[in-house]
Amino acid sequence: MFRFEKTRGTLGVGKRMSIPIRFRSSIPGEFKETFRWRLEGSTELLSLLCFGHVIAPDPVFNLDCIDFGKVSYSFPEYRTITITNNSEVAFTYNLRIPGDGKLTQHEFEIEPARDEI
């Protein structure tokens, strides 16, 4: 989940060095990690505590189901649903209907089937 951009280096006396840290998690919830470095020539470890909370996307559809009712053969019917992102983070969605048709012959079309919200 963590990647340190610099893993080695030399730091002069009284000098500072920025160490960029990249954090990326696919697991929602609390996290708390302590990192320890051994410095060459020192008997003590240098510690850094990183903590926070990863929040998950919270998508909500405006409908639980879609009733197409009676549909005439070979005449398309259209329905519209709305998806809302109730979280503080963006996410990419990819909608599909499992088992819809055979190969390229699909009974349902979803537009857009993939997007970021």
PDB file of N, CA and C in Angstrom:
ATOM      1  N   MET A   1       0.821  -1.194   0.000  1.00  0.00           N
ATOM      2  CA  MET A   1       0.000   0.000   0.000  1.00  0.00           C
ATOM      3  C   MET A   1       0.864   1.258   0.000  1.00  0.00           C
ATOM      4  N   PHE A   2       2.095   1.138   0.468  1.00  0.00           N
ATOM      5  CA  PHE A   2       2.992   2.294   0.544  1.00  0.00           C
ATOM      6  C   PHE A   2       4.168   2.084  -0.395  1.00  0.00           C
ATOM      7  N   ARG A   3       4.582   3.165  -1.021  1.00  0.00           N
ATOM      8  CA  ARG A   3       5.801   3.117  -1.821  1.00  0.00           C
ATOM      9  C   ARG A   3       6.612   4.374  -1.540  1.00  0.00           C
ATOM     10  N   PHE A   4       7.830   4.176  -1.113  1.00  0.00           N
ATOM     11  CA  PHE A   4       8.733   5.285  -0.844  1.00  0.00           C
ATOM     12  C   PHE A   4       9.556   5.543  -2.100  1.00  0.00           C
ATOM     13  N   GLU A   5       9.506   6.783  -2.581  1.00  0.00           N
ATOM     14  CA  GLU A   5      10.196   7.127  -3.821  1.00  0.00           C
ATOM     15  C   GLU A   5      11.711   7.067  -3.656  1.00  0.00           C
ATOM     16  N   LYS A   6      12.213   7.363  -2.474  1.00  0.00           N
ATOM     17  CA  LYS A   6      13.652   7.281  -2.214  1.00  0.00           C
ATOM     18  C   LYS A   6      13.871   6.219  -1.142  1.00  0.00           C
ATOM     19  N   THR A   7      14.732   5.257  -1.432  1.00  0.00           N
ATOM     20  CA  THR A   7      15.016   4.202  -0.458  1.00  0.00           C
ATOM     21  C   THR A   7      16.467   4.245   0.010  1.00  0.00           C
ATOM     22  N   ARG A   8      17.299   5.053  -0.654  1.00  0.00           N
ATOM     23  CA  ARG A   8      18.709   5.176  -0.280  1.00  0.00           C
ATOM     24  C   ARG A   8      19.145   6.616  -0.488  1.00  0.00           C
ATOM     25  N   GLY A   9      20.166   6.991   0.191  1.00  0.00           N
ATOM     26  CA  GLY A   9      20.702   8.324  -0.010  1.00  0.00           C
ATOM     27  C   GLY A   9      21.664   8.701   1.092  1.00  0.00           C
ATOM     28  N   THR A  10      22.285   9.842   0.891  1.00  0.00           N
ATOM     29  CA  THR A  10      23.206  10.378   1.879  1.00  0.00           C
ATOM     30  C   THR A  10      22.692  11.739   2.305  1.00  0.00           C
ATOM     31  N   LEU A  11      22.661  11.955   3.602  1.00  0.00           N
ATOM     32  CA  LEU A  11      22.158  13.206   4.149  1.00  0.00           C
ATOM     33  C   LEU A  11      23.282  13.878   4.926  1.00  0.00           C
ATOM     34  N   GLY A  12      23.624  15.066   4.478  1.00  0.00           N
ATOM     35  CA  GLY A  12      24.699  15.799   5.142  1.00  0.00           C
ATOM     36  C   GLY A  12      24.270  16.307   6.510  1.00  0.00           C
ATOM     37  N   VAL A  13      25.235  16.661   7.335  1.00  0.00           N
ATOM     38  CA  VAL A  13      24.976  17.162   8.680  1.00  0.00           C
ATOM     39  C   VAL A  13      24.146  18.442   8.602  1.00  0.00           C
ATOM     40  N   GLY A  14      23.024  18.468   9.347  1.00  0.00           N
ATOM     41  CA  GLY A  14      22.151  19.643   9.387  1.00  0.00           C
ATOM     42  C   GLY A  14      21.309  19.839   8.134  1.00  0.00           C
ATOM     43  N   LYS A  15      21.311  18.892   7.213  1.00  0.00           N
ATOM     44  CA  LYS A  15      20.568  19.005   5.958  1.00  0.00           C
ATOM     45  C   LYS A  15      19.232  18.282   6.070  1.00  0.00           C
ATOM     46  N   ARG A  16      18.321  18.619   5.150  1.00  0.00           N
ATOM     47  CA  ARG A  16      17.006  17.969   5.067  1.00  0.00           C
ATOM     48  C   ARG A  16      16.854  17.298   3.715  1.00  0.00           C
ATOM     49  N   MET A  17      16.024  16.264   3.699  1.00  0.00           N
ATOM     50  CA  MET A  17      15.725  15.567   2.452  1.00  0.00           C
ATOM     51  C   MET A  17      14.245  15.198   2.445  1.00  0.00           C
ATOM     52  N   SER A  18      13.550  15.551   1.384  1.00  0.00           N
ATOM     53  CA  SER A  18      12.148  15.160   1.222  1.00  0.00           C
ATOM     54  C   SER A  18      12.094  13.736   0.689  1.00  0.00           C
ATOM     55  N   ILE A  19      11.190  12.952   1.249  1.00  0.00           N
ATOM     56  CA  ILE A  19      11.006  11.571   0.798  1.00  0.00           C
ATOM     57  C   ILE A  19       9.532  11.410   0.427  1.00  0.00           C
ATOM     58  N   PRO A  20       9.197  11.493  -0.867  1.00  0.00           N
ATOM     59  CA  PRO A  20       7.797  11.313  -1.282  1.00  0.00           C
ATOM     60  C   PRO A  20       7.317   9.894  -0.971  1.00  0.00           C
ATOM     61  N   ILE A  21       6.086   9.795  -0.456  1.00  0.00           N
ATOM     62  CA  ILE A  21       5.480   8.511  -0.123  1.00  0.00           C
ATOM     63  C   ILE A  21       4.179   8.396  -0.908  1.00  0.00           C
ATOM     64  N   ARG A  22       4.013   7.284  -1.606  1.00  0.00           N
ATOM     65  CA  ARG A  22       2.773   7.033  -2.343  1.00  0.00           C
ATOM     66  C   ARG A  22       1.971   5.993  -1.575  1.00  0.00           C
ATOM     67  N   PHE A  23       0.691   6.306  -1.350  1.00  0.00           N
ATOM     68  CA  PHE A  23      -0.202   5.379  -0.648  1.00  0.00           C
ATOM     69  C   PHE A  23      -1.365   5.053  -1.570  1.00  0.00           C
ATOM     70  N   ARG A  24      -1.652   3.767  -1.707  1.00  0.00           N
ATOM     71  CA  ARG A  24      -2.784   3.333  -2.527  1.00  0.00           C
ATOM     72  C   ARG A  24      -3.334   2.048  -1.930  1.00  0.00           C
ATOM     73  N   SER A  25      -4.629   2.054  -1.637  1.00  0.00           N
ATOM     74  CA  SER A  25      -5.239   0.883  -1.018  1.00  0.00           C
ATOM     75  C   SER A  25      -6.546   0.535  -1.711  1.00  0.00           C
ATOM     76  N   SER A  26      -6.819  -0.744  -1.830  1.00  0.00           N
ATOM     77  CA  SER A  26      -8.095  -1.216  -2.360  1.00  0.00           C
ATOM     78  C   SER A  26      -8.940  -1.826  -1.245  1.00  0.00           C
ATOM     79  N   ILE A  27      -8.494  -1.648  -0.009  1.00  0.00           N
ATOM     80  CA  ILE A  27      -9.198  -2.212   1.142  1.00  0.00           C
ATOM     81  C   ILE A  27      -9.728  -1.060   1.994  1.00  0.00           C
ATOM     82  N   PRO A  28     -11.055  -0.910   2.096  1.00  0.00           N
ATOM     83  CA  PRO A  28     -11.594   0.172   2.927  1.00  0.00           C
ATOM     84  C   PRO A  28     -11.395  -0.100   4.410  1.00  0.00           C
ATOM     85  N   GLY A  29     -11.297   0.985   5.168  1.00  0.00           N
ATOM     86  CA  GLY A  29     -11.176   0.869   6.617  1.00  0.00           C
ATOM     87  C   GLY A  29      -9.966   1.601   7.148  1.00  0.00           C
ATOM     88  N   GLU A  30      -9.755   1.423   8.447  1.00  0.00           N
ATOM     89  CA  GLU A  30      -8.645   2.081   9.139  1.00  0.00           C
ATOM     90  C   GLU A  30      -7.323   1.409   8.778  1.00  0.00           C
ATOM     91  N   PHE A  31      -6.272   2.194   8.736  1.00  0.00           N
ATOM     92  CA  PHE A  31      -4.942   1.622   8.580  1.00  0.00           C
ATOM     93  C   PHE A  31      -3.977   2.348   9.507  1.00  0.00           C
ATOM     94  N   LYS A  32      -2.974   1.612   9.931  1.00  0.00           N
ATOM     95  CA  LYS A  32      -1.949   2.155  10.810  1.00  0.00           C
ATOM     96  C   LYS A  32      -0.688   1.339  10.585  1.00  0.00           C
ATOM     97  N   GLU A  33       0.335   1.974  10.071  1.00  0.00           N
ATOM     98  CA  GLU A  33       1.588   1.296   9.752  1.00  0.00           C
ATOM     99  C   GLU A  33       2.756   2.082  10.334  1.00  0.00           C
ATOM    100  N   THR A  34       3.680   1.373  10.945  1.00  0.00           N
ATOM    101  CA  THR A  34       4.910   1.990  11.435  1.00  0.00           C
ATOM    102  C   THR A  34       6.069   1.472  10.604  1.00  0.00           C
ATOM    103  N   PHE A  35       6.848   2.393  10.088  1.00  0.00           N
ATOM    104  CA  PHE A  35       8.024   2.050   9.306  1.00  0.00           C
ATOM    105  C   PHE A  35       9.261   2.401  10.123  1.00  0.00           C
ATOM    106  N   ARG A  36      10.262   1.534  10.041  1.00  0.00           N
ATOM    107  CA  ARG A  36      11.507   1.747  10.784  1.00  0.00           C
ATOM    108  C   ARG A  36      12.688   1.627   9.834  1.00  0.00           C
ATOM    109  N   TRP A  37      13.608   2.567   9.964  1.00  0.00           N
ATOM    110  CA  TRP A  37      14.805   2.560   9.140  1.00  0.00           C
ATOM    111  C   TRP A  37      16.034   2.397  10.018  1.00  0.00           C
ATOM    112  N   ARG A  38      16.947   1.625   9.534  1.00  0.00           N
ATOM    113  CA  ARG A  38      18.248   1.482  10.178  1.00  0.00           C
ATOM    114  C   ARG A  38      19.192   2.405   9.425  1.00  0.00           C
ATOM    115  N   LEU A  39      19.793   3.315  10.144  1.00  0.00           N
ATOM    116  CA  LEU A  39      20.733   4.247   9.543  1.00  0.00           C
ATOM    117  C   LEU A  39      22.146   3.740   9.727  1.00  0.00           C
ATOM    118  N   GLU A  40      22.896   3.802   8.674  1.00  0.00           N
ATOM    119  CA  GLU A  40      24.278   3.317   8.723  1.00  0.00           C
ATOM    120  C   GLU A  40      25.060   4.093   9.778  1.00  0.00           C
ATOM    121  N   GLY A  41      25.677   3.376  10.681  1.00  0.00           N
ATOM    122  CA  GLY A  41      26.484   3.993  11.729  1.00  0.00           C
ATOM    123  C   GLY A  41      25.714   4.325  12.990  1.00  0.00           C
ATOM    124  N   SER A  42      24.395   4.075  13.018  1.00  0.00           N
ATOM    125  CA  SER A  42      23.588   4.386  14.203  1.00  0.00           C
ATOM    126  C   SER A  42      23.071   3.095  14.824  1.00  0.00           C
ATOM    127  N   THR A  43      22.955   3.087  16.147  1.00  0.00           N
ATOM    128  CA  THR A  43      22.396   1.922  16.835  1.00  0.00           C
ATOM    129  C   THR A  43      20.896   2.055  17.051  1.00  0.00           C
ATOM    130  N   GLU A  44      20.349   3.246  16.811  1.00  0.00           N
ATOM    131  CA  GLU A  44      18.911   3.484  16.996  1.00  0.00           C
ATOM    132  C   GLU A  44      18.179   3.420  15.656  1.00  0.00           C
ATOM    133  N   LEU A  45      16.907   2.987  15.713  1.00  0.00           N
ATOM    134  CA  LEU A  45      16.067   2.954  14.523  1.00  0.00           C
ATOM    135  C   LEU A  45      15.294   4.264  14.412  1.00  0.00           C
ATOM    136  N   LEU A  46      15.087   4.711  13.198  1.00  0.00           N
ATOM    137  CA  LEU A  46      14.276   5.893  12.933  1.00  0.00           C
ATOM    138  C   LEU A  46      12.869   5.399  12.588  1.00  0.00           C
ATOM    139  N   SER A  47      11.819   5.928  13.248  1.00  0.00           N
ATOM    140  CA  SER A  47      10.449   5.439  13.057  1.00  0.00           C
ATOM    141  C   SER A  47       9.552   6.503  12.440  1.00  0.00           C
ATOM    142  N   LEU A  48       8.584   6.033  11.655  1.00  0.00           N
ATOM    143  CA  LEU A  48       7.557   6.894  11.065  1.00  0.00           C
ATOM    144  C   LEU A  48       6.225   6.167  11.160  1.00  0.00           C
ATOM    145  N   LEU A  49       5.219   6.812  11.759  1.00  0.00           N
ATOM    146  CA  LEU A  49       3.879   6.240  11.880  1.00  0.00           C
ATOM    147  C   LEU A  49       2.982   6.869  10.829  1.00  0.00           C
ATOM    148  N   CYS A  50       2.310   6.042  10.031  1.00  0.00           N
ATOM    149  CA  CYS A  50       1.332   6.499   9.027  1.00  0.00           C
ATOM    150  C   CYS A  50      -0.018   5.897   9.398  1.00  0.00           C
ATOM    151  N   PHE A  51      -1.055   6.735   9.452  1.00  0.00           N
ATOM    152  CA  PHE A  51      -2.380   6.208   9.770  1.00  0.00           C
ATOM    153  C   PHE A  51      -3.436   7.015   9.030  1.00  0.00           C
ATOM    154  N   GLY A  52      -4.625   6.442   8.927  1.00  0.00           N
ATOM    155  CA  GLY A  52      -5.727   7.117   8.255  1.00  0.00           C
ATOM    156  C   GLY A  52      -6.905   6.186   8.089  1.00  0.00           C
ATOM    157  N   HIS A  53      -7.809   6.587   7.219  1.00  0.00           N
ATOM    158  CA  HIS A  53      -9.031   5.822   6.972  1.00  0.00           C
ATOM    159  C   HIS A  53      -9.310   5.835   5.480  1.00  0.00           C
ATOM    160  N   VAL A  54      -9.386   4.665   4.874  1.00  0.00           N
ATOM    161  CA  VAL A  54      -9.706   4.532   3.451  1.00  0.00           C
ATOM    162  C   VAL A  54     -11.218   4.393   3.329  1.00  0.00           C
ATOM    163  N   ILE A  55     -11.828   5.304   2.558  1.00  0.00           N
ATOM    164  CA  ILE A  55     -13.282   5.232   2.375  1.00  0.00           C
ATOM    165  C   ILE A  55     -13.600   4.595   1.029  1.00  0.00           C
ATOM    166  N   ALA A  56     -14.675   3.836   1.009  1.00  0.00           N
ATOM    167  CA  ALA A  56     -15.091   3.124  -0.199  1.00  0.00           C
ATOM    168  C   ALA A  56     -16.108   3.957  -0.975  1.00  0.00           C
ATOM    169  N   PRO A  57     -16.223   3.687  -2.277  1.00  0.00           N
ATOM    170  CA  PRO A  57     -17.285   4.340  -3.045  1.00  0.00           C
ATOM    171  C   PRO A  57     -18.651   3.919  -2.507  1.00  0.00           C
ATOM    172  N   ASP A  58     -19.648   4.762  -2.709  1.00  0.00           N
ATOM    173  CA  ASP A  58     -21.001   4.470  -2.237  1.00  0.00           C
ATOM    174  C   ASP A  58     -21.993   4.752  -3.368  1.00  0.00           C
ATOM    175  N   PRO A  59     -22.032   3.859  -4.389  1.00  0.00           N
ATOM    176  CA  PRO A  59     -22.958   4.085  -5.501  1.00  0.00           C
ATOM    177  C   PRO A  59     -24.376   3.667  -5.139  1.00  0.00           C
ATOM    178  N   VAL A  60     -25.352   4.423  -5.644  1.00  0.00           N
ATOM    179  CA  VAL A  60     -26.768   4.120  -5.396  1.00  0.00           C
ATOM    180  C   VAL A  60     -27.534   4.301  -6.702  1.00  0.00           C
ATOM    181  N   PHE A  61     -28.326   3.299  -7.065  1.00  0.00           N
ATOM    182  CA  PHE A  61     -29.230   3.415  -8.213  1.00  0.00           C
ATOM    183  C   PHE A  61     -30.558   3.998  -7.740  1.00  0.00           C
ATOM    184  N   ASN A  62     -31.224   4.741  -8.613  1.00  0.00           N
ATOM    185  CA  ASN A  62     -32.518   5.313  -8.235  1.00  0.00           C
ATOM    186  C   ASN A  62     -33.640   4.278  -8.283  1.00  0.00           C
ATOM    187  N   LEU A  63     -33.381   3.105  -8.876  1.00  0.00           N
ATOM    188  CA  LEU A  63     -34.372   2.032  -8.950  1.00  0.00           C
ATOM    189  C   LEU A  63     -33.755   0.720  -8.480  1.00  0.00           C
ATOM    190  N   ASP A  64     -34.583  -0.140  -7.896  1.00  0.00           N
ATOM    191  CA  ASP A  64     -34.113  -1.474  -7.511  1.00  0.00           C
ATOM    192  C   ASP A  64     -34.315  -2.474  -8.649  1.00  0.00           C
ATOM    193  N   CYS A  65     -35.298  -2.205  -9.504  1.00  0.00           N
ATOM    194  CA  CYS A  65     -35.563  -3.093 -10.634  1.00  0.00           C
ATOM    195  C   CYS A  65     -36.214  -2.289 -11.761  1.00  0.00           C
ATOM    196  N   ILE A  66     -36.176  -2.852 -12.960  1.00  0.00           N
ATOM    197  CA  ILE A  66     -36.796  -2.224 -14.124  1.00  0.00           C
ATOM    198  C   ILE A  66     -37.806  -3.212 -14.699  1.00  0.00           C
ATOM    199  N   ASP A  67     -39.061  -2.806 -14.791  1.00  0.00           N
ATOM    200  CA  ASP A  67     -40.110  -3.640 -15.354  1.00  0.00           C
ATOM    201  C   ASP A  67     -40.393  -3.160 -16.781  1.00  0.00           C
ATOM    202  N   PHE A  68     -40.016  -3.961 -17.762  1.00  0.00           N
ATOM    203  CA  PHE A  68     -40.263  -3.597 -19.154  1.00  0.00           C
ATOM    204  C   PHE A  68     -41.688  -3.935 -19.589  1.00  0.00           C
ATOM    205  N   GLY A  69     -42.404  -4.707 -18.800  1.00  0.00           N
ATOM    206  CA  GLY A  69     -43.767  -5.067 -19.164  1.00  0.00           C
ATOM    207  C   GLY A  69     -43.788  -5.874 -20.459  1.00  0.00           C
ATOM    208  N   LYS A  70     -44.860  -5.713 -21.243  1.00  0.00           N
ATOM    209  CA  LYS A  70     -44.957  -6.407 -22.527  1.00  0.00           C
ATOM    210  C   LYS A  70     -44.207  -5.604 -23.579  1.00  0.00           C
ATOM    211  N   VAL A  71     -43.325  -6.280 -24.291  1.00  0.00           N
ATOM    212  CA  VAL A  71     -42.497  -5.630 -25.310  1.00  0.00           C
ATOM    213  C   VAL A  71     -42.756  -6.317 -26.641  1.00  0.00           C
ATOM    214  N   SER A  72     -43.068  -5.543 -27.671  1.00  0.00           N
ATOM    215  CA  SER A  72     -43.306  -6.095 -29.009  1.00  0.00           C
ATOM    216  C   SER A  72     -42.011  -6.607 -29.610  1.00  0.00           C
ATOM    217  N   TYR A  73     -42.121  -7.706 -30.322  1.00  0.00           N
ATOM    218  CA  TYR A  73     -40.976  -8.324 -30.973  1.00  0.00           C
ATOM    219  C   TYR A  73     -40.333  -7.350 -31.967  1.00  0.00           C
ATOM    220  N   SER A  74     -39.022  -7.190 -31.890  1.00  0.00           N
ATOM    221  CA  SER A  74     -38.208  -6.356 -32.783  1.00  0.00           C
ATOM    222  C   SER A  74     -38.447  -4.857 -32.651  1.00  0.00           C
ATOM    223  N   PHE A  75     -39.152  -4.414 -31.617  1.00  0.00           N
ATOM    224  CA  PHE A  75     -39.321  -2.985 -31.371  1.00  0.00           C
ATOM    225  C   PHE A  75     -38.584  -2.641 -30.080  1.00  0.00           C
ATOM    226  N   PRO A  76     -37.625  -1.726 -30.167  1.00  0.00           N
ATOM    227  CA  PRO A  76     -36.846  -1.419 -28.967  1.00  0.00           C
ATOM    228  C   PRO A  76     -37.652  -0.663 -27.919  1.00  0.00           C
ATOM    229  N   GLU A  77     -37.381  -0.956 -26.683  1.00  0.00           N
ATOM    230  CA  GLU A  77     -37.956  -0.250 -25.530  1.00  0.00           C
ATOM    231  C   GLU A  77     -36.805   0.365 -24.754  1.00  0.00           C
ATOM    232  N   TYR A  78     -37.001   1.554 -24.216  1.00  0.00           N
ATOM    233  CA  TYR A  78     -35.937   2.252 -23.493  1.00  0.00           C
ATOM    234  C   TYR A  78     -36.380   2.569 -22.073  1.00  0.00           C
ATOM    235  N   ARG A  79     -35.475   2.401 -21.164  1.00  0.00           N
ATOM    236  CA  ARG A  79     -35.672   2.816 -19.783  1.00  0.00           C
ATOM    237  C   ARG A  79     -34.396   3.524 -19.340  1.00  0.00           C
ATOM    238  N   THR A  80     -34.528   4.435 -18.396  1.00  0.00           N
ATOM    239  CA  THR A  80     -33.375   5.166 -17.890  1.00  0.00           C
ATOM    240  C   THR A  80     -33.282   4.991 -16.388  1.00  0.00           C
ATOM    241  N   ILE A  81     -32.078   4.716 -15.933  1.00  0.00           N
ATOM    242  CA  ILE A  81     -31.811   4.664 -14.497  1.00  0.00           C
ATOM    243  C   ILE A  81     -30.734   5.694 -14.195  1.00  0.00           C
ATOM    244  N   THR A  82     -30.624   6.053 -12.941  1.00  0.00           N
ATOM    245  CA  THR A  82     -29.609   7.022 -12.512  1.00  0.00           C
ATOM    246  C   THR A  82     -28.753   6.393 -11.435  1.00  0.00           C
ATOM    247  N   ILE A  83     -27.443   6.568 -11.578  1.00  0.00           N
ATOM    248  CA  ILE A  83     -26.524   6.121 -10.539  1.00  0.00           C
ATOM    249  C   ILE A  83     -25.922   7.374  -9.898  1.00  0.00           C
ATOM    250  N   THR A  84     -25.911   7.390  -8.565  1.00  0.00           N
ATOM    251  CA  THR A  84     -25.398   8.531  -7.809  1.00  0.00           C
ATOM    252  C   THR A  84     -24.242   8.076  -6.937  1.00  0.00           C
ATOM    253  N   ASN A  85     -23.211   8.888  -6.873  1.00  0.00           N
ATOM    254  CA  ASN A  85     -22.073   8.614  -6.009  1.00  0.00           C
ATOM    255  C   ASN A  85     -22.278   9.388  -4.705  1.00  0.00           C
ATOM    256  N   ASN A  86     -22.582   8.685  -3.632  1.00  0.00           N
ATOM    257  CA  ASN A  86     -22.819   9.323  -2.331  1.00  0.00           C
ATOM    258  C   ASN A  86     -21.570   9.390  -1.456  1.00  0.00           C
ATOM    259  N   SER A  87     -20.421   9.055  -2.012  1.00  0.00           N
ATOM    260  CA  SER A  87     -19.198   9.080  -1.211  1.00  0.00           C
ATOM    261  C   SER A  87     -18.371  10.313  -1.536  1.00  0.00           C
ATOM    262  N   GLU A  88     -17.252  10.424  -0.862  1.00  0.00           N
ATOM    263  CA  GLU A  88     -16.353  11.563  -1.065  1.00  0.00           C
ATOM    264  C   GLU A  88     -15.272  11.260  -2.096  1.00  0.00           C
ATOM    265  N   VAL A  89     -15.319  10.076  -2.692  1.00  0.00           N
ATOM    266  CA  VAL A  89     -14.299   9.687  -3.663  1.00  0.00           C
ATOM    267  C   VAL A  89     -14.947   9.300  -4.985  1.00  0.00           C
ATOM    268  N   ALA A  90     -14.251   9.602  -6.063  1.00  0.00           N
ATOM    269  CA  ALA A  90     -14.725   9.199  -7.386  1.00  0.00           C
ATOM    270  C   ALA A  90     -14.451   7.712  -7.587  1.00  0.00           C
ATOM    271  N   PHE A  91     -15.202   7.092  -8.481  1.00  0.00           N
ATOM    272  CA  PHE A  91     -14.950   5.702  -8.831  1.00  0.00           C
ATOM    273  C   PHE A  91     -15.342   5.476 -10.284  1.00  0.00           C
ATOM    274  N   THR A  92     -14.797   4.416 -10.850  1.00  0.00           N
ATOM    275  CA  THR A  92     -15.128   4.013 -12.214  1.00  0.00           C
ATOM    276  C   THR A  92     -16.110   2.860 -12.127  1.00  0.00           C
ATOM    277  N   TYR A  93     -17.186   2.952 -12.898  1.00  0.00           N
ATOM    278  CA  TYR A  93     -18.138   1.841 -12.922  1.00  0.00           C
ATOM    279  C   TYR A  93     -18.098   1.165 -14.281  1.00  0.00           C
ATOM    280  N   ASN A  94     -18.459  -0.106 -14.279  1.00  0.00           N
ATOM    281  CA  ASN A  94     -18.528  -0.906 -15.489  1.00  0.00           C
ATOM    282  C   ASN A  94     -19.774  -1.765 -15.364  1.00  0.00           C
ATOM    283  N   LEU A  95     -20.849  -1.381 -16.044  1.00  0.00           N
ATOM    284  CA  LEU A  95     -22.130  -2.082 -15.929  1.00  0.00           C
ATOM    285  C   LEU A  95     -22.270  -3.120 -17.038  1.00  0.00           C
ATOM    286  N   ARG A  96     -22.794  -4.273 -16.666  1.00  0.00           N
ATOM    287  CA  ARG A  96     -23.063  -5.321 -17.648  1.00  0.00           C
ATOM    288  C   ARG A  96     -24.195  -6.190 -17.129  1.00  0.00           C
ATOM    289  N   ILE A  97     -24.782  -6.941 -18.020  1.00  0.00           N
ATOM    290  CA  ILE A  97     -25.846  -7.871 -17.649  1.00  0.00           C
ATOM    291  C   ILE A  97     -25.322  -9.270 -17.943  1.00  0.00           C
ATOM    292  N   PRO A  98     -24.994 -10.040 -16.914  1.00  0.00           N
ATOM    293  CA  PRO A  98     -24.446 -11.383 -17.131  1.00  0.00           C
ATOM    294  C   PRO A  98     -25.422 -12.260 -17.916  1.00  0.00           C
ATOM    295  N   GLY A  99     -24.906 -13.005 -18.867  1.00  0.00           N
ATOM    296  CA  GLY A  99     -25.722 -13.935 -19.639  1.00  0.00           C
ATOM    297  C   GLY A  99     -26.613 -13.260 -20.670  1.00  0.00           C
ATOM    298  N   ASP A 100     -26.336 -11.999 -21.016  1.00  0.00           N
ATOM    299  CA  ASP A 100     -27.159 -11.290 -22.002  1.00  0.00           C
ATOM    300  C   ASP A 100     -26.751 -11.693 -23.408  1.00  0.00           C
ATOM    301  N   GLY A 101     -27.587 -12.503 -24.068  1.00  0.00           N
ATOM    302  CA  GLY A 101     -27.368 -12.865 -25.469  1.00  0.00           C
ATOM    303  C   GLY A 101     -26.166 -13.756 -25.676  1.00  0.00           C
ATOM    304  N   LYS A 102     -25.901 -13.993 -26.944  1.00  0.00           N
ATOM    305  CA  LYS A 102     -24.800 -14.854 -27.339  1.00  0.00           C
ATOM    306  C   LYS A 102     -23.812 -14.047 -28.174  1.00  0.00           C
ATOM    307  N   LEU A 103     -22.574 -14.039 -27.761  1.00  0.00           N
ATOM    308  CA  LEU A 103     -21.495 -13.332 -28.443  1.00  0.00           C
ATOM    309  C   LEU A 103     -21.855 -11.881 -28.723  1.00  0.00           C
ATOM    310  N   THR A 104     -22.147 -11.521 -29.990  1.00  0.00           N
ATOM    311  CA  THR A 104     -22.402 -10.117 -30.324  1.00  0.00           C
ATOM    312  C   THR A 104     -23.880  -9.767 -30.328  1.00  0.00           C
ATOM    313  N   GLN A 105     -24.758 -10.744 -30.162  1.00  0.00           N
ATOM    314  CA  GLN A 105     -26.195 -10.481 -30.160  1.00  0.00           C
ATOM    315  C   GLN A 105     -26.691 -10.288 -28.736  1.00  0.00           C
ATOM    316  N   HIS A 106     -26.771  -9.025 -28.315  1.00  0.00           N
ATOM    317  CA  HIS A 106     -27.216  -8.720 -26.965  1.00  0.00           C
ATOM    318  C   HIS A 106     -28.650  -8.207 -26.998  1.00  0.00           C
ATOM    319  N   GLU A 107     -29.415  -8.557 -25.978  1.00  0.00           N
ATOM    320  CA  GLU A 107     -30.784  -8.062 -25.864  1.00  0.00           C
ATOM    321  C   GLU A 107     -30.832  -6.686 -25.209  1.00  0.00           C
ATOM    322  N   PHE A 108     -29.801  -6.365 -24.411  1.00  0.00           N
ATOM    323  CA  PHE A 108     -29.776  -5.094 -23.693  1.00  0.00           C
ATOM    324  C   PHE A 108     -28.534  -4.297 -24.093  1.00  0.00           C
ATOM    325  N   GLU A 109     -28.705  -2.997 -24.186  1.00  0.00           N
ATOM    326  CA  GLU A 109     -27.581  -2.096 -24.410  1.00  0.00           C
ATOM    327  C   GLU A 109     -27.550  -1.109 -23.251  1.00  0.00           C
ATOM    328  N   ILE A 110     -26.368  -0.905 -22.697  1.00  0.00           N
ATOM    329  CA  ILE A 110     -26.205   0.042 -21.599  1.00  0.00           C
ATOM    330  C   ILE A 110     -25.277   1.147 -22.091  1.00  0.00           C
ATOM    331  N   GLU A 111     -25.769   2.374 -22.049  1.00  0.00           N
ATOM    332  CA  GLU A 111     -24.970   3.514 -22.508  1.00  0.00           C
ATOM    333  C   GLU A 111     -25.009   4.633 -21.474  1.00  0.00           C
ATOM    334  N   PRO A 112     -23.901   5.067 -20.949  1.00  0.00           N
ATOM    335  CA  PRO A 112     -22.578   4.439 -21.096  1.00  0.00           C
ATOM    336  C   PRO A 112     -22.435   3.271 -20.145  1.00  0.00           C
ATOM    337  N   ALA A 113     -21.804   2.228 -20.604  1.00  0.00           N
ATOM    338  CA  ALA A 113     -21.610   1.043 -19.775  1.00  0.00           C
ATOM    339  C   ALA A 113     -20.436   1.215 -18.829  1.00  0.00           C
ATOM    340  N   ARG A 114     -19.543   2.150 -19.167  1.00  0.00           N
ATOM    341  CA  ARG A 114     -18.354   2.388 -18.336  1.00  0.00           C
ATOM    342  C   ARG A 114     -18.104   3.890 -18.289  1.00  0.00           C
ATOM    343  N   ASP A 115     -17.844   4.384 -17.085  1.00  0.00           N
ATOM    344  CA  ASP A 115     -17.563   5.808 -16.917  1.00  0.00           C
ATOM    345  C   ASP A 115     -17.015   6.047 -15.513  1.00  0.00           C
ATOM    346  N   GLU A 116     -16.657   7.260 -15.229  1.00  0.00           N
ATOM    347  CA  GLU A 116     -16.210   7.642 -13.888  1.00  0.00           C
ATOM    348  C   GLU A 116     -17.214   8.622 -13.315  1.00  0.00           C
ATOM    349  N   ILE A 117     -17.533   8.435 -12.046  1.00  0.00           N
ATOM    350  CA  ILE A 117     -18.496   9.316 -11.396  1.00  0.00           C
ATOM    351  C   ILE A 117     -17.932   9.744 -10.053  1.00  0.00           C
TER     352      ILE A 117
END
